[in-house]
Amino acid sequence: MGETCGISSTIDLRSGDVLSIVGAGGKTTTMYRICKELRAQGFRVISTTTTAIQRPTSTQSPRLLITNETAEPTAAIAAELDEHQHVTVVGRTRRADKFEGVSTAAIAAFRELPDVVVIEADGARHAAIKAPAEYEPAVPECTTVFLSVAGLHALGCPLGDVCHRAELAALLTCQSVAAVVTGETVARLLLSPEGGLRGIPPEARAWAVLTHLGAENGKEAHDIARVLRPSRYQGILGLSHDSVALLT
């Protein structure tokens, strides 16, 4: 397990990239973590979602722009980027603390304004792992980097307790919803074209991301990484609260 400088540098994010994050177990945290890294490197970055999102805290994002409540969204986004270098863009207010996302067409329209767009492109209702429905995830075709996330805190728990759409996950992993989640369970979900790789654009650079990495699950994380290689993923990251590891 080798520590790296950050997620953005490890996956080699570049100016012009559109990053979509799918899966479960830490998508929102990962998105804002990447945005913070990019901003520190001098990049102008938009964070957004194609599903729904909670109101960001001031430490997650300096500004929130609601396009449905803005007369000239493109000009407003550009102005926020000029002043703050990072802005979170949403579509409309669902309730005081939650917002609907933007369309993939809107992302294509404003993707040239920042250096990098980071998108939460999936929903999981705070579960640790998930299997997508037929209409999920909502990944824009302009995506150049694809992160598929799974939470290691699912290990050792019944699938039905920690998985969003557990019945679908049971079919993909050939087990029951009452079965305990193992490293093999997580690996099968991530490898499946109908699971963690569902919706990936053909030319996108793909990474698997295992969150909640710690001393108690380090061996399982490495075991999962070995199963994932070779595959569509060009690398596997392990994330703890304050570190990034390239898993081998």
C-alpha atoms as a PDB file:
ATOM      1  CA  MET A   1       0.000   0.000   0.000  1.00  0.00           C
ATOM      2  CA  GLY A   2       1.623   3.199  -1.156  1.00  0.00           C
ATOM      3  CA  GLU A   3       0.376   6.618  -0.137  1.00  0.00           C
ATOM      4  CA  THR A   4       0.015   9.256  -2.825  1.00  0.00           C
ATOM      5  CA  CYS A   5      -0.319  13.014  -2.863  1.00  0.00           C
ATOM      6  CA  GLY A   6      -4.034  13.044  -3.589  1.00  0.00           C
ATOM      7  CA  ILE A   7      -6.847  11.569  -5.605  1.00  0.00           C
ATOM      8  CA  SER A   8      -6.631  14.100  -8.430  1.00  0.00           C
ATOM      9  CA  SER A   9      -2.919  13.601  -8.985  1.00  0.00           C
ATOM     10  CA  THR A  10      -3.130   9.817  -8.755  1.00  0.00           C
ATOM     11  CA  ILE A  11      -5.830   9.567 -11.414  1.00  0.00           C
ATOM     12  CA  ASP A  12      -4.076  12.265 -13.439  1.00  0.00           C
ATOM     13  CA  LEU A  13      -6.928  14.747 -13.750  1.00  0.00           C
ATOM     14  CA  ARG A  14      -6.199  17.281 -16.485  1.00  0.00           C
ATOM     15  CA  SER A  15      -7.676  20.503 -17.746  1.00  0.00           C
ATOM     16  CA  GLY A  16     -10.697  19.631 -19.869  1.00  0.00           C
ATOM     17  CA  ASP A  17     -11.615  16.482 -17.929  1.00  0.00           C
ATOM     18  CA  VAL A  18     -15.183  15.668 -16.957  1.00  0.00           C
ATOM     19  CA  LEU A  19     -15.189  13.281 -13.995  1.00  0.00           C
ATOM     20  CA  SER A  20     -18.266  11.200 -13.136  1.00  0.00           C
ATOM     21  CA  ILE A  21     -18.529   9.402  -9.793  1.00  0.00           C
ATOM     22  CA  VAL A  22     -20.886   6.425  -9.394  1.00  0.00           C
ATOM     23  CA  GLY A  23     -21.547   3.736  -6.824  1.00  0.00           C
ATOM     24  CA  ALA A  24     -21.959   4.111  -3.069  1.00  0.00           C
ATOM     25  CA  GLY A  25     -20.101   4.565   0.178  1.00  0.00           C
ATOM     26  CA  GLY A  26     -18.644   8.053  -0.157  1.00  0.00           C
ATOM     27  CA  LYS A  27     -19.344   9.671  -3.529  1.00  0.00           C
ATOM     28  CA  THR A  28     -20.129  13.125  -2.161  1.00  0.00           C
ATOM     29  CA  THR A  29     -17.139  13.186   0.168  1.00  0.00           C
ATOM     30  CA  THR A  30     -14.897  12.020  -2.666  1.00  0.00           C
ATOM     31  CA  MET A  31     -16.268  14.671  -5.031  1.00  0.00           C
ATOM     32  CA  TYR A  32     -15.610  17.582  -2.681  1.00  0.00           C
ATOM     33  CA  ARG A  33     -12.231  16.158  -1.687  1.00  0.00           C
ATOM     34  CA  ILE A  34     -11.187  16.155  -5.337  1.00  0.00           C
ATOM     35  CA  CYS A  35     -12.525  19.681  -5.833  1.00  0.00           C
ATOM     36  CA  LYS A  36     -10.515  20.926  -2.845  1.00  0.00           C
ATOM     37  CA  GLU A  37      -7.360  19.355  -4.273  1.00  0.00           C
ATOM     38  CA  LEU A  38      -7.946  20.853  -7.706  1.00  0.00           C
ATOM     39  CA  ARG A  39      -8.650  24.305  -6.318  1.00  0.00           C
ATOM     40  CA  ALA A  40      -5.414  24.153  -4.294  1.00  0.00           C
ATOM     41  CA  GLN A  41      -3.573  23.374  -7.535  1.00  0.00           C
ATOM     42  CA  GLY A  42      -5.030  26.474  -9.205  1.00  0.00           C
ATOM     43  CA  PHE A  43      -7.734  24.754 -11.246  1.00  0.00           C
ATOM     44  CA  ARG A  44     -11.179  26.268 -11.772  1.00  0.00           C
ATOM     45  CA  VAL A  45     -13.684  23.531 -10.935  1.00  0.00           C
ATOM     46  CA  ILE A  46     -17.434  22.936 -11.032  1.00  0.00           C
ATOM     47  CA  SER A  47     -18.991  20.311  -8.780  1.00  0.00           C
ATOM     48  CA  THR A  48     -22.471  19.191  -9.746  1.00  0.00           C
ATOM     49  CA  THR A  49     -24.838  16.231  -9.867  1.00  0.00           C
ATOM     50  CA  THR A  50     -27.144  14.564 -12.368  1.00  0.00           C
ATOM     51  CA  THR A  51     -29.266  13.102  -9.537  1.00  0.00           C
ATOM     52  CA  ALA A  52     -29.788  15.024  -6.280  1.00  0.00           C
ATOM     53  CA  ILE A  53     -27.521  16.444  -3.622  1.00  0.00           C
ATOM     54  CA  GLN A  54     -27.570  17.894  -0.119  1.00  0.00           C
ATOM     55  CA  ARG A  55     -26.675  21.546   0.409  1.00  0.00           C
ATOM     56  CA  PRO A  56     -22.853  21.674   0.581  1.00  0.00           C
ATOM     57  CA  THR A  57     -21.185  23.050   3.665  1.00  0.00           C
ATOM     58  CA  SER A  58     -18.896  26.066   3.394  1.00  0.00           C
ATOM     59  CA  THR A  59     -15.883  23.752   3.739  1.00  0.00           C
ATOM     60  CA  GLN A  60     -17.110  21.574   0.871  1.00  0.00           C
ATOM     61  CA  SER A  61     -17.862  24.353  -1.603  1.00  0.00           C
ATOM     62  CA  PRO A  62     -17.510  28.135  -1.378  1.00  0.00           C
ATOM     63  CA  ARG A  63     -20.570  28.834  -3.531  1.00  0.00           C
ATOM     64  CA  LEU A  64     -23.853  27.184  -4.565  1.00  0.00           C
ATOM     65  CA  LEU A  65     -25.602  28.264  -7.774  1.00  0.00           C
ATOM     66  CA  ILE A  66     -29.174  27.171  -8.531  1.00  0.00           C
ATOM     67  CA  THR A  67     -29.628  27.425 -12.281  1.00  0.00           C
ATOM     68  CA  ASN A  68     -33.446  27.456 -12.182  1.00  0.00           C
ATOM     69  CA  GLU A  69     -33.304  30.558  -9.980  1.00  0.00           C
ATOM     70  CA  THR A  70     -30.634  32.364 -12.005  1.00  0.00           C
ATOM     71  CA  ALA A  71     -31.449  34.610 -14.960  1.00  0.00           C
ATOM     72  CA  GLU A  72     -28.185  33.996 -16.849  1.00  0.00           C
ATOM     73  CA  PRO A  73     -26.704  30.749 -15.471  1.00  0.00           C
ATOM     74  CA  THR A  74     -23.702  30.615 -17.794  1.00  0.00           C
ATOM     75  CA  ALA A  75     -22.610  34.173 -16.981  1.00  0.00           C
ATOM     76  CA  ALA A  76     -23.245  33.582 -13.276  1.00  0.00           C
ATOM     77  CA  ILE A  77     -21.170  30.399 -13.242  1.00  0.00           C
ATOM     78  CA  ALA A  78     -18.306  32.185 -14.995  1.00  0.00           C
ATOM     79  CA  ALA A  79     -18.441  35.032 -12.461  1.00  0.00           C
ATOM     80  CA  GLU A  80     -18.389  32.613  -9.505  1.00  0.00           C
ATOM     81  CA  LEU A  81     -15.407  30.779 -10.988  1.00  0.00           C
ATOM     82  CA  ASP A  82     -13.551  34.050 -11.484  1.00  0.00           C
ATOM     83  CA  GLU A  83     -14.076  34.962  -7.834  1.00  0.00           C
ATOM     84  CA  HIS A  84     -13.977  31.611  -6.015  1.00  0.00           C
ATOM     85  CA  GLN A  85     -12.417  29.086  -8.457  1.00  0.00           C
ATOM     86  CA  HIS A  86     -14.986  26.491  -7.306  1.00  0.00           C
ATOM     87  CA  VAL A  87     -18.771  26.562  -7.530  1.00  0.00           C
ATOM     88  CA  THR A  88     -21.381  23.853  -6.996  1.00  0.00           C
ATOM     89  CA  VAL A  89     -24.087  23.969  -9.670  1.00  0.00           C
ATOM     90  CA  VAL A  90     -27.549  22.432  -9.164  1.00  0.00           C
ATOM     91  CA  GLY A  91     -30.815  22.536 -11.077  1.00  0.00           C
ATOM     92  CA  ARG A  92     -33.586  23.464  -8.695  1.00  0.00           C
ATOM     93  CA  THR A  93     -34.512  23.402  -5.005  1.00  0.00           C
ATOM     94  CA  ARG A  94     -36.265  20.240  -3.845  1.00  0.00           C
ATOM     95  CA  ARG A  95     -36.372  21.369  -0.205  1.00  0.00           C
ATOM     96  CA  ALA A  96     -34.301  23.714   1.933  1.00  0.00           C
ATOM     97  CA  ASP A  97     -31.409  21.296   2.323  1.00  0.00           C
ATOM     98  CA  LYS A  98     -31.624  19.266  -0.899  1.00  0.00           C
ATOM     99  CA  PHE A  99     -31.414  20.103  -4.589  1.00  0.00           C
ATOM    100  CA  GLU A 100     -32.139  18.405  -7.876  1.00  0.00           C
ATOM    101  CA  GLY A 101     -29.275  17.980 -10.279  1.00  0.00           C
ATOM    102  CA  VAL A 102     -28.694  19.322 -13.755  1.00  0.00           C
ATOM    103  CA  SER A 103     -29.258  17.610 -17.088  1.00  0.00           C
ATOM    104  CA  THR A 104     -26.463  16.034 -19.079  1.00  0.00           C
ATOM    105  CA  ALA A 105     -27.219  18.614 -21.780  1.00  0.00           C
ATOM    106  CA  ALA A 106     -26.587  21.428 -19.288  1.00  0.00           C
ATOM    107  CA  ILE A 107     -23.242  19.889 -18.340  1.00  0.00           C
ATOM    108  CA  ALA A 108     -22.240  19.750 -21.990  1.00  0.00           C
ATOM    109  CA  ALA A 109     -23.161  23.444 -22.273  1.00  0.00           C
ATOM    110  CA  PHE A 110     -21.091  24.684 -19.320  1.00  0.00           C
ATOM    111  CA  ARG A 111     -18.202  22.198 -19.348  1.00  0.00           C
ATOM    112  CA  GLU A 112     -15.933  24.709 -21.107  1.00  0.00           C
ATOM    113  CA  LEU A 113     -16.223  27.283 -18.292  1.00  0.00           C
ATOM    114  CA  PRO A 114     -14.005  25.540 -15.689  1.00  0.00           C
ATOM    115  CA  ASP A 115     -10.857  23.493 -16.068  1.00  0.00           C
ATOM    116  CA  VAL A 116     -12.548  20.389 -14.624  1.00  0.00           C
ATOM    117  CA  VAL A 117     -16.153  19.328 -13.992  1.00  0.00           C
ATOM    118  CA  VAL A 118     -16.738  16.820 -11.159  1.00  0.00           C
ATOM    119  CA  ILE A 119     -20.134  15.091 -11.178  1.00  0.00           C
ATOM    120  CA  GLU A 120     -21.927  12.951  -8.645  1.00  0.00           C
ATOM    121  CA  ALA A 121     -23.702  10.821 -11.231  1.00  0.00           C
ATOM    122  CA  ASP A 122     -25.466   8.245  -9.070  1.00  0.00           C
ATOM    123  CA  GLY A 123     -27.617   7.941  -5.968  1.00  0.00           C
ATOM    124  CA  ALA A 124     -27.349   5.378  -3.174  1.00  0.00           C
ATOM    125  CA  ARG A 125     -29.390   6.680  -0.220  1.00  0.00           C
ATOM    126  CA  HIS A 126     -26.311   6.620   2.024  1.00  0.00           C
ATOM    127  CA  ALA A 127     -25.713   2.880   1.542  1.00  0.00           C
ATOM    128  CA  ALA A 128     -22.193   1.440   1.586  1.00  0.00           C
ATOM    129  CA  ILE A 129     -22.504  -0.402  -1.742  1.00  0.00           C
ATOM    130  CA  LYS A 130     -25.097  -0.570  -4.516  1.00  0.00           C
ATOM    131  CA  ALA A 131     -26.301  -2.208  -7.686  1.00  0.00           C
ATOM    132  CA  PRO A 132     -27.754   0.179 -10.281  1.00  0.00           C
ATOM    133  CA  ALA A 133     -31.251  -0.030 -11.707  1.00  0.00           C
ATOM    134  CA  GLU A 134     -31.752  -0.061 -15.481  1.00  0.00           C
ATOM    135  CA  TYR A 135     -31.984   3.739 -15.588  1.00  0.00           C
ATOM    136  CA  GLU A 136     -28.870   4.306 -13.474  1.00  0.00           C
ATOM    137  CA  PRO A 137     -26.328   5.830 -13.307  1.00  0.00           C
ATOM    138  CA  ALA A 138     -26.825   9.204 -15.031  1.00  0.00           C
ATOM    139  CA  VAL A 139     -23.379   9.548 -16.626  1.00  0.00           C
ATOM    140  CA  PRO A 140     -22.921  12.238 -19.309  1.00  0.00           C
ATOM    141  CA  GLU A 141     -21.467  11.051 -22.610  1.00  0.00           C
ATOM    142  CA  CYS A 142     -18.792  13.756 -22.307  1.00  0.00           C
ATOM    143  CA  THR A 143     -17.307  11.981 -19.260  1.00  0.00           C
ATOM    144  CA  THR A 144     -13.567  11.431 -19.626  1.00  0.00           C
ATOM    145  CA  VAL A 145     -12.840   9.932 -16.182  1.00  0.00           C
ATOM    146  CA  PHE A 146     -15.098   7.434 -14.391  1.00  0.00           C
ATOM    147  CA  LEU A 147     -14.815   6.580 -10.679  1.00  0.00           C
ATOM    148  CA  SER A 148     -16.772   3.597  -9.350  1.00  0.00           C
ATOM    149  CA  VAL A 149     -16.992   3.768  -5.542  1.00  0.00           C
ATOM    150  CA  ALA A 150     -17.657   1.062  -2.947  1.00  0.00           C
ATOM    151  CA  GLY A 151     -17.418   1.300   0.832  1.00  0.00           C
ATOM    152  CA  LEU A 152     -15.277  -1.223   2.700  1.00  0.00           C
ATOM    153  CA  HIS A 153     -17.464  -0.718   5.769  1.00  0.00           C
ATOM    154  CA  ALA A 154     -19.940  -3.053   4.049  1.00  0.00           C
ATOM    155  CA  LEU A 155     -17.629  -6.012   4.702  1.00  0.00           C
ATOM    156  CA  GLY A 156     -18.964  -8.477   7.244  1.00  0.00           C
ATOM    157  CA  CYS A 157     -22.505  -7.079   7.141  1.00  0.00           C
ATOM    158  CA  PRO A 158     -25.616  -8.714   5.628  1.00  0.00           C
ATOM    159  CA  LEU A 159     -26.023  -7.571   2.031  1.00  0.00           C
ATOM    160  CA  GLY A 160     -29.580  -6.427   2.653  1.00  0.00           C
ATOM    161  CA  ASP A 161     -28.473  -4.110   5.469  1.00  0.00           C
ATOM    162  CA  VAL A 162     -25.768  -2.171   3.627  1.00  0.00           C
ATOM    163  CA  CYS A 163     -26.613  -2.303  -0.075  1.00  0.00           C
ATOM    164  CA  HIS A 164     -28.876  -0.035  -2.124  1.00  0.00           C
ATOM    165  CA  ARG A 165     -30.963  -2.264  -4.402  1.00  0.00           C
ATOM    166  CA  ALA A 166     -29.813  -5.365  -2.550  1.00  0.00           C
ATOM    167  CA  GLU A 167     -32.007  -7.693  -4.618  1.00  0.00           C
ATOM    168  CA  LEU A 168     -30.230  -6.609  -7.799  1.00  0.00           C
ATOM    169  CA  ALA A 169     -26.857  -6.933  -6.096  1.00  0.00           C
ATOM    170  CA  ALA A 170     -27.751 -10.452  -4.968  1.00  0.00           C
ATOM    171  CA  LEU A 171     -28.419 -11.430  -8.583  1.00  0.00           C
ATOM    172  CA  LEU A 172     -25.155  -9.886  -9.783  1.00  0.00           C
ATOM    173  CA  THR A 173     -23.078 -11.548  -7.046  1.00  0.00           C
ATOM    174  CA  CYS A 174     -24.902 -14.909  -6.949  1.00  0.00           C
ATOM    175  CA  GLN A 175     -25.812 -14.739  -3.275  1.00  0.00           C
ATOM    176  CA  SER A 176     -28.824 -13.996  -1.100  1.00  0.00           C
ATOM    177  CA  VAL A 177     -29.687 -10.650   0.467  1.00  0.00           C
ATOM    178  CA  ALA A 178     -29.080 -12.286   3.866  1.00  0.00           C
ATOM    179  CA  ALA A 179     -25.526 -13.336   2.948  1.00  0.00           C
ATOM    180  CA  VAL A 180     -22.563 -11.535   4.499  1.00  0.00           C
ATOM    181  CA  VAL A 181     -20.705  -9.102   2.241  1.00  0.00           C
ATOM    182  CA  THR A 182     -17.180 -10.305   1.473  1.00  0.00           C
ATOM    183  CA  GLY A 183     -14.348  -8.965  -0.629  1.00  0.00           C
ATOM    184  CA  GLU A 184     -15.564 -11.220  -3.423  1.00  0.00           C
ATOM    185  CA  THR A 185     -19.000  -9.580  -3.201  1.00  0.00           C
ATOM    186  CA  VAL A 186     -17.508  -6.112  -3.609  1.00  0.00           C
ATOM    187  CA  ALA A 187     -15.213  -7.206  -6.434  1.00  0.00           C
ATOM    188  CA  ARG A 188     -18.068  -8.857  -8.365  1.00  0.00           C
ATOM    189  CA  LEU A 189     -20.191  -5.723  -8.053  1.00  0.00           C
ATOM    190  CA  LEU A 190     -17.388  -3.465  -9.243  1.00  0.00           C
ATOM    191  CA  LEU A 191     -16.456  -5.728 -12.169  1.00  0.00           C
ATOM    192  CA  SER A 192     -19.969  -6.272 -13.473  1.00  0.00           C
ATOM    193  CA  PRO A 193     -20.981  -4.421 -16.667  1.00  0.00           C
ATOM    194  CA  GLU A 194     -24.416  -4.227 -15.005  1.00  0.00           C
ATOM    195  CA  GLY A 195     -22.902  -3.116 -11.690  1.00  0.00           C
ATOM    196  CA  GLY A 196     -19.975  -0.822 -11.044  1.00  0.00           C
ATOM    197  CA  LEU A 197     -19.147  -0.418 -14.723  1.00  0.00           C
ATOM    198  CA  ARG A 198     -22.679   0.315 -15.875  1.00  0.00           C
ATOM    199  CA  GLY A 199     -22.914   3.501 -17.927  1.00  0.00           C
ATOM    200  CA  ILE A 200     -19.202   4.026 -18.528  1.00  0.00           C
ATOM    201  CA  PRO A 201     -18.445   5.824 -21.824  1.00  0.00           C
ATOM    202  CA  PRO A 202     -16.189   3.728 -24.088  1.00  0.00           C
ATOM    203  CA  GLU A 203     -13.207   6.083 -23.995  1.00  0.00           C
ATOM    204  CA  ALA A 204     -13.360   7.094 -20.329  1.00  0.00           C
ATOM    205  CA  ARG A 205     -10.445   6.364 -17.989  1.00  0.00           C
ATOM    206  CA  ALA A 206     -11.840   4.137 -15.232  1.00  0.00           C
ATOM    207  CA  TRP A 207     -10.771   3.810 -11.588  1.00  0.00           C
ATOM    208  CA  ALA A 208     -12.231   1.749  -8.764  1.00  0.00           C
ATOM    209  CA  VAL A 209     -12.330   3.537  -5.400  1.00  0.00           C
ATOM    210  CA  LEU A 210     -12.588   1.690  -2.076  1.00  0.00           C
ATOM    211  CA  THR A 211     -13.558   4.055   0.722  1.00  0.00           C
ATOM    212  CA  HIS A 212     -13.317   3.658   4.517  1.00  0.00           C
ATOM    213  CA  LEU A 213      -9.902   2.022   4.206  1.00  0.00           C
ATOM    214  CA  GLY A 214      -8.341   1.176   7.568  1.00  0.00           C
ATOM    215  CA  ALA A 215      -6.078  -1.261   9.373  1.00  0.00           C
ATOM    216  CA  GLU A 216      -9.025  -3.583   9.979  1.00  0.00           C
ATOM    217  CA  ASN A 217      -9.785  -4.069   6.262  1.00  0.00           C
ATOM    218  CA  GLY A 218      -6.450  -3.449   4.549  1.00  0.00           C
ATOM    219  CA  LYS A 219      -5.938  -7.102   3.618  1.00  0.00           C
ATOM    220  CA  GLU A 220      -9.435  -7.366   2.130  1.00  0.00           C
ATOM    221  CA  ALA A 221      -8.850  -4.146   0.170  1.00  0.00           C
ATOM    222  CA  HIS A 222      -5.691  -5.595  -1.396  1.00  0.00           C
ATOM    223  CA  ASP A 223      -7.513  -8.858  -2.131  1.00  0.00           C
ATOM    224  CA  ILE A 224     -10.257  -6.920  -3.933  1.00  0.00           C
ATOM    225  CA  ALA A 225      -7.643  -4.954  -5.887  1.00  0.00           C
ATOM    226  CA  ARG A 226      -5.991  -8.174  -7.069  1.00  0.00           C
ATOM    227  CA  VAL A 227      -9.327  -9.529  -8.325  1.00  0.00           C
ATOM    228  CA  LEU A 228      -9.979  -6.272 -10.187  1.00  0.00           C
ATOM    229  CA  ARG A 229      -6.753  -6.627 -12.155  1.00  0.00           C
ATOM    230  CA  PRO A 230      -6.591  -6.862 -15.093  1.00  0.00           C
ATOM    231  CA  SER A 231      -9.931  -5.322 -16.001  1.00  0.00           C
ATOM    232  CA  ARG A 232     -11.527  -2.175 -17.378  1.00  0.00           C
ATOM    233  CA  TYR A 233     -10.111  -0.329 -14.349  1.00  0.00           C
ATOM    234  CA  GLN A 234      -6.674   1.146 -14.861  1.00  0.00           C
ATOM    235  CA  GLY A 235      -6.126   1.372 -11.110  1.00  0.00           C
ATOM    236  CA  ILE A 236      -7.678   0.887  -7.678  1.00  0.00           C
ATOM    237  CA  LEU A 237      -7.587   3.514  -4.931  1.00  0.00           C
ATOM    238  CA  GLY A 238      -8.107   3.032  -1.213  1.00  0.00           C
ATOM    239  CA  LEU A 239      -9.328   6.096   0.673  1.00  0.00           C
ATOM    240  CA  SER A 240      -9.227   6.738   4.394  1.00  0.00           C
ATOM    241  CA  HIS A 241     -10.233   9.967   6.095  1.00  0.00           C
ATOM    242  CA  ASP A 242      -6.889  11.637   5.470  1.00  0.00           C
ATOM    243  CA  SER A 243      -4.895   9.502   3.047  1.00  0.00           C
ATOM    244  CA  VAL A 244      -4.949   7.985  -0.420  1.00  0.00           C
ATOM    245  CA  ALA A 245      -3.427   4.622  -1.280  1.00  0.00           C
ATOM    246  CA  LEU A 246      -2.812   3.073  -4.676  1.00  0.00           C
ATOM    247  CA  LEU A 247      -3.714  -0.558  -4.015  1.00  0.00           C
ATOM    248  CA  THR A 248      -1.583  -3.305  -5.523  1.00  0.00           C
END
